[in-house]
Amino acid sequence: MTYVADPTAALDVPCVLLRPDGHVAWIGDDQRDLDDHRSRWFGKPTN
């Protein structure tokens, strides 16, 4: 399912990561949840 955010509307979610094209990449409850999923989109850290 694809979700696109309306930049003029307020989002009623605790945390959201939007791609530059307005697609919702992630919705979660807190930053730690995003940290756990970040490697899924960006790969493993290299250092």
PDB file of N, CA and C in Angstrom:
ATOM      1  N   MET A   1       0.840  -1.169   0.000  1.00  0.00           N
ATOM      2  CA  MET A   1       0.000   0.000   0.000  1.00  0.00           C
ATOM      3  C   MET A   1       0.890   1.239   0.000  1.00  0.00           C
ATOM      4  N   THR A   2       0.562   2.232  -0.763  1.00  0.00           N
ATOM      5  CA  THR A   2       1.331   3.463  -0.847  1.00  0.00           C
ATOM      6  C   THR A   2       0.552   4.593  -0.194  1.00  0.00           C
ATOM      7  N   TYR A   3       1.253   5.363   0.616  1.00  0.00           N
ATOM      8  CA  TYR A   3       0.647   6.527   1.250  1.00  0.00           C
ATOM      9  C   TYR A   3       1.415   7.769   0.833  1.00  0.00           C
ATOM     10  N   VAL A   4       0.708   8.798   0.482  1.00  0.00           N
ATOM     11  CA  VAL A   4       1.317  10.078   0.134  1.00  0.00           C
ATOM     12  C   VAL A   4       0.756  11.120   1.087  1.00  0.00           C
ATOM     13  N   ALA A   5       1.641  11.920   1.676  1.00  0.00           N
ATOM     14  CA  ALA A   5       1.219  12.935   2.637  1.00  0.00           C
ATOM     15  C   ALA A   5       0.854  14.221   1.908  1.00  0.00           C
ATOM     16  N   ASP A   6      -0.180  14.862   2.379  1.00  0.00           N
ATOM     17  CA  ASP A   6      -0.567  16.183   1.881  1.00  0.00           C
ATOM     18  C   ASP A   6       0.207  17.216   2.697  1.00  0.00           C
ATOM     19  N   PRO A   7       1.108  17.963   2.077  1.00  0.00           N
ATOM     20  CA  PRO A   7       1.936  18.903   2.844  1.00  0.00           C
ATOM     21  C   PRO A   7       1.141  20.022   3.503  1.00  0.00           C
ATOM     22  N   THR A   8      -0.096  20.218   3.116  1.00  0.00           N
ATOM     23  CA  THR A   8      -0.908  21.266   3.742  1.00  0.00           C
ATOM     24  C   THR A   8      -1.733  20.730   4.908  1.00  0.00           C
ATOM     25  N   ALA A   9      -1.717  19.424   5.133  1.00  0.00           N
ATOM     26  CA  ALA A   9      -2.524  18.817   6.196  1.00  0.00           C
ATOM     27  C   ALA A   9      -1.638  18.403   7.375  1.00  0.00           C
ATOM     28  N   ALA A  10      -2.180  18.505   8.571  1.00  0.00           N
ATOM     29  CA  ALA A  10      -1.480  18.019   9.757  1.00  0.00           C
ATOM     30  C   ALA A  10      -1.638  16.509   9.826  1.00  0.00           C
ATOM     31  N   LEU A  11      -0.559  15.822  10.158  1.00  0.00           N
ATOM     32  CA  LEU A  11      -0.610  14.370  10.286  1.00  0.00           C
ATOM     33  C   LEU A  11      -0.854  14.009  11.743  1.00  0.00           C
ATOM     34  N   ASP A  12      -1.828  13.174  11.997  1.00  0.00           N
ATOM     35  CA  ASP A  12      -2.176  12.783  13.360  1.00  0.00           C
ATOM     36  C   ASP A  12      -1.459  11.482  13.712  1.00  0.00           C
ATOM     37  N   VAL A  13      -0.125  11.535  13.750  1.00  0.00           N
ATOM     38  CA  VAL A  13       0.702  10.378  14.093  1.00  0.00           C
ATOM     39  C   VAL A  13       1.824  10.851  15.019  1.00  0.00           C
ATOM     40  N   PRO A  14       2.347   9.965  15.886  1.00  0.00           N
ATOM     41  CA  PRO A  14       3.392  10.387  16.811  1.00  0.00           C
ATOM     42  C   PRO A  14       4.719  10.722  16.121  1.00  0.00           C
ATOM     43  N   CYS A  15       5.146   9.910  15.168  1.00  0.00           N
ATOM     44  CA  CYS A  15       6.402  10.122  14.447  1.00  0.00           C
ATOM     45  C   CYS A  15       6.232   9.662  13.010  1.00  0.00           C
ATOM     46  N   VAL A  16       6.811  10.416  12.087  1.00  0.00           N
ATOM     47  CA  VAL A  16       6.690  10.054  10.675  1.00  0.00           C
ATOM     48  C   VAL A  16       7.970  10.452   9.947  1.00  0.00           C
ATOM     49  N   LEU A  17       8.387   9.636   8.996  1.00  0.00           N
ATOM     50  CA  LEU A  17       9.507   9.950   8.121  1.00  0.00           C
ATOM     51  C   LEU A  17       8.960  10.049   6.709  1.00  0.00           C
ATOM     52  N   LEU A  18       9.062  11.242   6.134  1.00  0.00           N
ATOM     53  CA  LEU A  18       8.554  11.479   4.787  1.00  0.00           C
ATOM     54  C   LEU A  18       9.704  11.504   3.797  1.00  0.00           C
ATOM     55  N   ARG A  19       9.508  10.853   2.677  1.00  0.00           N
ATOM     56  CA  ARG A  19      10.476  10.952   1.592  1.00  0.00           C
ATOM     57  C   ARG A  19      10.323  12.325   0.952  1.00  0.00           C
ATOM     58  N   PRO A  20      11.347  12.785   0.221  1.00  0.00           N
ATOM     59  CA  PRO A  20      11.242  14.090  -0.431  1.00  0.00           C
ATOM     60  C   PRO A  20      10.068  14.206  -1.405  1.00  0.00           C
ATOM     61  N   ASP A  21       9.611  13.076  -1.959  1.00  0.00           N
ATOM     62  CA  ASP A  21       8.482  13.128  -2.890  1.00  0.00           C
ATOM     63  C   ASP A  21       7.132  13.068  -2.189  1.00  0.00           C
ATOM     64  N   GLY A  22       7.124  13.097  -0.844  1.00  0.00           N
ATOM     65  CA  GLY A  22       5.883  13.129  -0.085  1.00  0.00           C
ATOM     66  C   GLY A  22       5.349  11.772   0.336  1.00  0.00           C
ATOM     67  N   HIS A  23       5.976  10.686  -0.100  1.00  0.00           N
ATOM     68  CA  HIS A  23       5.548   9.355   0.325  1.00  0.00           C
ATOM     69  C   HIS A  23       5.983   9.114   1.768  1.00  0.00           C
ATOM     70  N   VAL A  24       5.142   8.452   2.510  1.00  0.00           N
ATOM     71  CA  VAL A  24       5.459   8.104   3.889  1.00  0.00           C
ATOM     72  C   VAL A  24       6.378   6.889   3.873  1.00  0.00           C
ATOM     73  N   ALA A  25       7.593   7.052   4.412  1.00  0.00           N
ATOM     74  CA  ALA A  25       8.551   5.952   4.467  1.00  0.00           C
ATOM     75  C   ALA A  25       8.406   5.154   5.752  1.00  0.00           C
ATOM     76  N   TRP A  26       7.959   5.809   6.820  1.00  0.00           N
ATOM     77  CA  TRP A  26       7.863   5.137   8.124  1.00  0.00           C
ATOM     78  C   TRP A  26       6.933   5.913   9.025  1.00  0.00           C
ATOM     79  N   ILE A  27       6.142   5.186   9.819  1.00  0.00           N
ATOM     80  CA  ILE A  27       5.321   5.753  10.889  1.00  0.00           C
ATOM     81  C   ILE A  27       5.574   4.901  12.117  1.00  0.00           C
ATOM     82  N   GLY A  28       5.845   5.533  13.246  1.00  0.00           N
ATOM     83  CA  GLY A  28       6.121   4.771  14.461  1.00  0.00           C
ATOM     84  C   GLY A  28       5.788   5.566  15.700  1.00  0.00           C
ATOM     85  N   ASP A  29       6.127   4.953  16.834  1.00  0.00           N
ATOM     86  CA  ASP A  29       5.818   5.570  18.116  1.00  0.00           C
ATOM     87  C   ASP A  29       6.953   6.414  18.681  1.00  0.00           C
ATOM     88  N   ASP A  30       8.201   6.077  18.331  1.00  0.00           N
ATOM     89  CA  ASP A  30       9.316   6.848  18.867  1.00  0.00           C
ATOM     90  C   ASP A  30      10.555   6.706  17.993  1.00  0.00           C
ATOM     91  N   GLN A  31      11.558   7.524  18.295  1.00  0.00           N
ATOM     92  CA  GLN A  31      12.794   7.565  17.512  1.00  0.00           C
ATOM     93  C   GLN A  31      13.525   6.225  17.518  1.00  0.00           C
ATOM     94  N   ARG A  32      13.505   5.507  18.653  1.00  0.00           N
ATOM     95  CA  ARG A  32      14.209   4.221  18.712  1.00  0.00           C
ATOM     96  C   ARG A  32      13.659   3.235  17.700  1.00  0.00           C
ATOM     97  N   ASP A  33      12.367   3.260  17.468  1.00  0.00           N
ATOM     98  CA  ASP A  33      11.775   2.383  16.465  1.00  0.00           C
ATOM     99  C   ASP A  33      12.322   2.714  15.080  1.00  0.00           C
ATOM    100  N   LEU A  34      12.473   4.006  14.783  1.00  0.00           N
ATOM    101  CA  LEU A  34      13.051   4.418  13.505  1.00  0.00           C
ATOM    102  C   LEU A  34      14.499   3.943  13.405  1.00  0.00           C
ATOM    103  N   ASP A  35      15.266   4.101  14.483  1.00  0.00           N
ATOM    104  CA  ASP A  35      16.657   3.661  14.476  1.00  0.00           C
ATOM    105  C   ASP A  35      16.763   2.175  14.164  1.00  0.00           C
ATOM    106  N   ASP A  36      15.830   1.384  14.672  1.00  0.00           N
ATOM    107  CA  ASP A  36      15.839  -0.062  14.432  1.00  0.00           C
ATOM    108  C   ASP A  36      15.552  -0.401  12.971  1.00  0.00           C
ATOM    109  N   HIS A  37      14.817   0.436  12.268  1.00  0.00           N
ATOM    110  CA  HIS A  37      14.419   0.148  10.889  1.00  0.00           C
ATOM    111  C   HIS A  37      15.232   0.889   9.830  1.00  0.00           C
ATOM    112  N   ARG A  38      16.061   1.822  10.253  1.00  0.00           N
ATOM    113  CA  ARG A  38      16.797   2.660   9.305  1.00  0.00           C
ATOM    114  C   ARG A  38      17.664   1.863   8.335  1.00  0.00           C
ATOM    115  N   SER A  39      18.316   0.812   8.814  1.00  0.00           N
ATOM    116  CA  SER A  39      19.190   0.027   7.929  1.00  0.00           C
ATOM    117  C   SER A  39      18.405  -0.657   6.812  1.00  0.00           C
ATOM    118  N   ARG A  40      17.125  -0.837   6.993  1.00  0.00           N
ATOM    119  CA  ARG A  40      16.287  -1.422   5.949  1.00  0.00           C
ATOM    120  C   ARG A  40      16.299  -0.550   4.689  1.00  0.00           C
ATOM    121  N   TRP A  41      16.308   0.767   4.883  1.00  0.00           N
ATOM    122  CA  TRP A  41      16.265   1.677   3.742  1.00  0.00           C
ATOM    123  C   TRP A  41      17.640   2.161   3.313  1.00  0.00           C
ATOM    124  N   PHE A  42      18.572   2.315   4.288  1.00  0.00           N
ATOM    125  CA  PHE A  42      19.851   2.934   3.981  1.00  0.00           C
ATOM    126  C   PHE A  42      21.032   1.979   4.051  1.00  0.00           C
ATOM    127  N   GLY A  43      20.808   0.735   4.449  1.00  0.00           N
ATOM    128  CA  GLY A  43      21.898  -0.226   4.578  1.00  0.00           C
ATOM    129  C   GLY A  43      22.588  -0.124   5.923  1.00  0.00           C
ATOM    130  N   LYS A  44      23.498  -1.045   6.168  1.00  0.00           N
ATOM    131  CA  LYS A  44      24.230  -1.081   7.425  1.00  0.00           C
ATOM    132  C   LYS A  44      25.257   0.051   7.469  1.00  0.00           C
ATOM    133  N   PRO A  45      25.525   0.610   8.669  1.00  0.00           N
ATOM    134  CA  PRO A  45      26.568   1.645   8.797  1.00  0.00           C
ATOM    135  C   PRO A  45      27.921   1.077   8.350  1.00  0.00           C
ATOM    136  N   THR A  46      28.755   1.921   7.764  1.00  0.00           N
ATOM    137  CA  THR A  46      30.033   1.463   7.244  1.00  0.00           C
ATOM    138  C   THR A  46      31.206   1.694   8.172  1.00  0.00           C
ATOM    139  N   ASN A  47      31.059   2.490   9.237  1.00  0.00           N
ATOM    140  CA  ASN A  47      32.214   2.722  10.095  1.00  0.00           C
ATOM    141  C   ASN A  47      32.154   1.812  11.239  1.00  0.00           C
TER     142      ASN A  47
END
